[in-house]
Every structure is written in C-alpha cells, then in structure tokens.
Amino acid sequence: MKLKIKTPNGFKLKLCIFPELISTIGLLVLYLHLAGLI
C-alpha cells in the first residue's frame, strides 16, 4: 500500500506502508498535525 501526502507548501511525500510501521506512521502524522503542517 502506498500513501501519497501533499503538504500545503507543495512538497510531496511518498510513503510505502508496512504493517509493522503503521503505528510509527500514525505517530508521525499526529506529530505533523500538532505541528500545524497538515
């Protein structure tokens, strides 16, 4: 499963998600959300 994220500044992130990384990605997304990036 591939996840494409486009941030407000136009920078694109392509993440390849594996089951063992879902929790880590979740924390990263939460951190970015709290930082006001997304």
PDB file of N, CA and C in Angstrom:
ATOM      1  N   MET A   1       0.836  -1.192   0.000  1.00  0.00           N
ATOM      2  CA  MET A   1       0.000   0.000   0.000  1.00  0.00           C
ATOM      3  C   MET A   1       0.869   1.239   0.000  1.00  0.00           C
ATOM      4  N   LYS A   2       0.604   2.126  -0.925  1.00  0.00           N
ATOM      5  CA  LYS A   2       1.379   3.356  -0.996  1.00  0.00           C
ATOM      6  C   LYS A   2       0.507   4.542  -0.623  1.00  0.00           C
ATOM      7  N   LEU A   3       1.079   5.440   0.150  1.00  0.00           N
ATOM      8  CA  LEU A   3       0.346   6.629   0.576  1.00  0.00           C
ATOM      9  C   LEU A   3       1.057   7.870   0.075  1.00  0.00           C
ATOM     10  N   LYS A   4       0.332   8.708  -0.640  1.00  0.00           N
ATOM     11  CA  LYS A   4       0.910   9.944  -1.139  1.00  0.00           C
ATOM     12  C   LYS A   4       0.365  11.115  -0.334  1.00  0.00           C
ATOM     13  N   ILE A   5       1.271  11.921   0.198  1.00  0.00           N
ATOM     14  CA  ILE A   5       0.865  13.066   1.002  1.00  0.00           C
ATOM     15  C   ILE A   5       1.356  14.344   0.336  1.00  0.00           C
ATOM     16  N   LYS A   6       0.433  15.265   0.114  1.00  0.00           N
ATOM     17  CA  LYS A   6       0.820  16.551  -0.445  1.00  0.00           C
ATOM     18  C   LYS A   6       0.612  17.618   0.613  1.00  0.00           C
ATOM     19  N   THR A   7       1.702  18.226   1.047  1.00  0.00           N
ATOM     20  CA  THR A   7       1.625  19.238   2.088  1.00  0.00           C
ATOM     21  C   THR A   7       1.276  20.589   1.483  1.00  0.00           C
ATOM     22  N   PRO A   8       0.803  21.522   2.306  1.00  0.00           N
ATOM     23  CA  PRO A   8       0.392  22.848   1.813  1.00  0.00           C
ATOM     24  C   PRO A   8       1.463  23.569   0.997  1.00  0.00           C
ATOM     25  N   ASN A   9       2.731  23.331   1.294  1.00  0.00           N
ATOM     26  CA  ASN A   9       3.797  24.004   0.557  1.00  0.00           C
ATOM     27  C   ASN A   9       4.122  23.310  -0.753  1.00  0.00           C
ATOM     28  N   GLY A  10       3.370  22.251  -1.065  1.00  0.00           N
ATOM     29  CA  GLY A  10       3.534  21.572  -2.340  1.00  0.00           C
ATOM     30  C   GLY A  10       4.549  20.438  -2.317  1.00  0.00           C
ATOM     31  N   PHE A  11       5.172  20.217  -1.162  1.00  0.00           N
ATOM     32  CA  PHE A  11       6.140  19.128  -1.055  1.00  0.00           C
ATOM     33  C   PHE A  11       5.402  17.803  -0.967  1.00  0.00           C
ATOM     34  N   LYS A  12       5.789  16.862  -1.803  1.00  0.00           N
ATOM     35  CA  LYS A  12       5.091  15.582  -1.841  1.00  0.00           C
ATOM     36  C   LYS A  12       5.884  14.505  -1.117  1.00  0.00           C
ATOM     37  N   LEU A  13       5.189  13.754  -0.302  1.00  0.00           N
ATOM     38  CA  LEU A  13       5.807  12.641   0.397  1.00  0.00           C
ATOM     39  C   LEU A  13       5.195  11.344  -0.097  1.00  0.00           C
ATOM     40  N   LYS A  14       6.053  10.406  -0.450  1.00  0.00           N
ATOM     41  CA  LYS A  14       5.557   9.095  -0.858  1.00  0.00           C
ATOM     42  C   LYS A  14       6.019   8.081   0.176  1.00  0.00           C
ATOM     43  N   LEU A  15       5.048   7.478   0.835  1.00  0.00           N
ATOM     44  CA  LEU A  15       5.374   6.538   1.887  1.00  0.00           C
ATOM     45  C   LEU A  15       4.888   5.146   1.526  1.00  0.00           C
ATOM     46  N   CYS A  16       5.769   4.188   1.692  1.00  0.00           N
ATOM     47  CA  CYS A  16       5.373   2.806   1.483  1.00  0.00           C
ATOM     48  C   CYS A  16       5.121   2.207   2.861  1.00  0.00           C
ATOM     49  N   ILE A  17       3.879   1.864   3.131  1.00  0.00           N
ATOM     50  CA  ILE A  17       3.483   1.467   4.474  1.00  0.00           C
ATOM     51  C   ILE A  17       3.430  -0.050   4.623  1.00  0.00           C
ATOM     52  N   PHE A  18       4.114  -0.527   5.650  1.00  0.00           N
ATOM     53  CA  PHE A  18       4.078  -1.935   6.000  1.00  0.00           C
ATOM     54  C   PHE A  18       3.399  -2.063   7.360  1.00  0.00           C
ATOM     55  N   PRO A  19       2.778  -3.212   7.633  1.00  0.00           N
ATOM     56  CA  PRO A  19       2.029  -3.413   8.887  1.00  0.00           C
ATOM     57  C   PRO A  19       2.808  -3.019  10.137  1.00  0.00           C
ATOM     58  N   GLU A  20       4.093  -3.329  10.177  1.00  0.00           N
ATOM     59  CA  GLU A  20       4.885  -3.042  11.368  1.00  0.00           C
ATOM     60  C   GLU A  20       5.200  -1.563  11.524  1.00  0.00           C
ATOM     61  N   LEU A  21       4.918  -0.769  10.475  1.00  0.00           N
ATOM     62  CA  LEU A  21       5.235   0.652  10.534  1.00  0.00           C
ATOM     63  C   LEU A  21       4.003   1.530  10.716  1.00  0.00           C
ATOM     64  N   ILE A  22       2.823   0.912  10.726  1.00  0.00           N
ATOM     65  CA  ILE A  22       1.583   1.694  10.800  1.00  0.00           C
ATOM     66  C   ILE A  22       1.543   2.570  12.049  1.00  0.00           C
ATOM     67  N   SER A  23       1.942   2.012  13.178  1.00  0.00           N
ATOM     68  CA  SER A  23       1.899   2.783  14.416  1.00  0.00           C
ATOM     69  C   SER A  23       2.890   3.942  14.368  1.00  0.00           C
ATOM     70  N   THR A  24       4.064   3.698  13.781  1.00  0.00           N
ATOM     71  CA  THR A  24       5.076   4.741  13.661  1.00  0.00           C
ATOM     72  C   THR A  24       4.596   5.856  12.754  1.00  0.00           C
ATOM     73  N   ILE A  25       3.999   5.491  11.622  1.00  0.00           N
ATOM     74  CA  ILE A  25       3.451   6.481  10.697  1.00  0.00           C
ATOM     75  C   ILE A  25       2.332   7.264  11.371  1.00  0.00           C
ATOM     76  N   GLY A  26       1.518   6.570  12.157  1.00  0.00           N
ATOM     77  CA  GLY A  26       0.434   7.225  12.878  1.00  0.00           C
ATOM     78  C   GLY A  26       0.954   8.299  13.817  1.00  0.00           C
ATOM     79  N   LEU A  27       2.029   7.980  14.536  1.00  0.00           N
ATOM     80  CA  LEU A  27       2.627   8.953  15.442  1.00  0.00           C
ATOM     81  C   LEU A  27       3.226  10.115  14.674  1.00  0.00           C
ATOM     82  N   LEU A  28       3.824   9.830  13.521  1.00  0.00           N
ATOM     83  CA  LEU A  28       4.405  10.878  12.690  1.00  0.00           C
ATOM     84  C   LEU A  28       3.327  11.824  12.189  1.00  0.00           C
ATOM     85  N   VAL A  29       2.220  11.259  11.704  1.00  0.00           N
ATOM     86  CA  VAL A  29       1.101  12.073  11.223  1.00  0.00           C
ATOM     87  C   VAL A  29       0.531  12.923  12.351  1.00  0.00           C
ATOM     88  N   LEU A  30       0.414  12.330  13.529  1.00  0.00           N
ATOM     89  CA  LEU A  30      -0.087  13.070  14.683  1.00  0.00           C
ATOM     90  C   LEU A  30       0.853  14.224  15.024  1.00  0.00           C
ATOM     91  N   TYR A  31       2.157  13.957  14.998  1.00  0.00           N
ATOM     92  CA  TYR A  31       3.145  14.994  15.270  1.00  0.00           C
ATOM     93  C   TYR A  31       3.044  16.127  14.259  1.00  0.00           C
ATOM     94  N   LEU A  32       2.936  15.780  12.984  1.00  0.00           N
ATOM     95  CA  LEU A  32       2.815  16.795  11.934  1.00  0.00           C
ATOM     96  C   LEU A  32       1.535  17.596  12.098  1.00  0.00           C
ATOM     97  N   HIS A  33       0.463  16.927  12.485  1.00  0.00           N
ATOM     98  CA  HIS A  33      -0.814  17.610  12.691  1.00  0.00           C
ATOM     99  C   HIS A  33      -0.705  18.602  13.847  1.00  0.00           C
ATOM    100  N   LEU A  34      -0.057  18.170  14.925  1.00  0.00           N
ATOM    101  CA  LEU A  34       0.116  19.048  16.080  1.00  0.00           C
ATOM    102  C   LEU A  34       1.051  20.202  15.752  1.00  0.00           C
ATOM    103  N   ALA A  35       1.979  19.962  14.830  1.00  0.00           N
ATOM    104  CA  ALA A  35       2.917  20.999  14.416  1.00  0.00           C
ATOM    105  C   ALA A  35       2.260  21.982  13.454  1.00  0.00           C
ATOM    106  N   GLY A  36       1.055  21.652  13.000  1.00  0.00           N
ATOM    107  CA  GLY A  36       0.318  22.559  12.132  1.00  0.00           C
ATOM    108  C   GLY A  36       0.693  22.439  10.670  1.00  0.00           C
ATOM    109  N   LEU A  37       1.342  21.329  10.305  1.00  0.00           N
ATOM    110  CA  LEU A  37       1.762  21.164   8.912  1.00  0.00           C
ATOM    111  C   LEU A  37       0.648  20.588   8.056  1.00  0.00           C
ATOM    112  N   ILE A  38      -0.227  19.805   8.695  1.00  0.00           N
ATOM    113  CA  ILE A  38      -1.336  19.222   7.938  1.00  0.00           C
ATOM    114  C   ILE A  38      -2.632  19.390   8.715  1.00  0.00           C
TER     115      ILE A  38
END
